[in-house]
Amino acid sequence: MKLSISASVLFAYMALLLSGCSGTPGKIDAAKKGYKETGKASFYAMKYQFRKTASGETFDQSTYTAAHNKLPFGTKVKVTNVKNGKSVIVRINDRGPFVKGRIIDLSRSAFSKIGNTSAGVIDVKIEVVD
């Protein structure tokens, strides 16, 4: 009987401990509307078309989606080109970019809405909107 009480107490303690954790360590709280970051944006190469993203979705260049290293999947982000003021709202569905100094990878269609793809990389401000 003593063993089952100890096991019950241990189980209850672990449940309480785990319930205090929210999300994945290192990820930014999706509810943090207004979170801002500045840096460089790039776009996905065509070789990634129809490949699986980190979220499990199939990547499609024609959608307004993006990769970010910390924002939770499904987070909507306003991306603004700091040079021309144009912006686009994208949904985070992948992880990346994995190049130092870049903060977001955009789908080709999202990138072309705010900048010329021949530039390759642009300076942007991102802001969580939803």
Foldseek 3Di string as FASTA:
>chain_A
DVVVVVVVVVVVVVVVVVVPDDDDPQADPLVPFFDKDKFKEFADDPVQQQPAAPQRDGDHLQAWAKAFAHYDFQWWKWKAQPVPGFIDIHTYRHHDDPDPGHGMYTRNNRCVRHDDNVVRMTIIMMGTHD
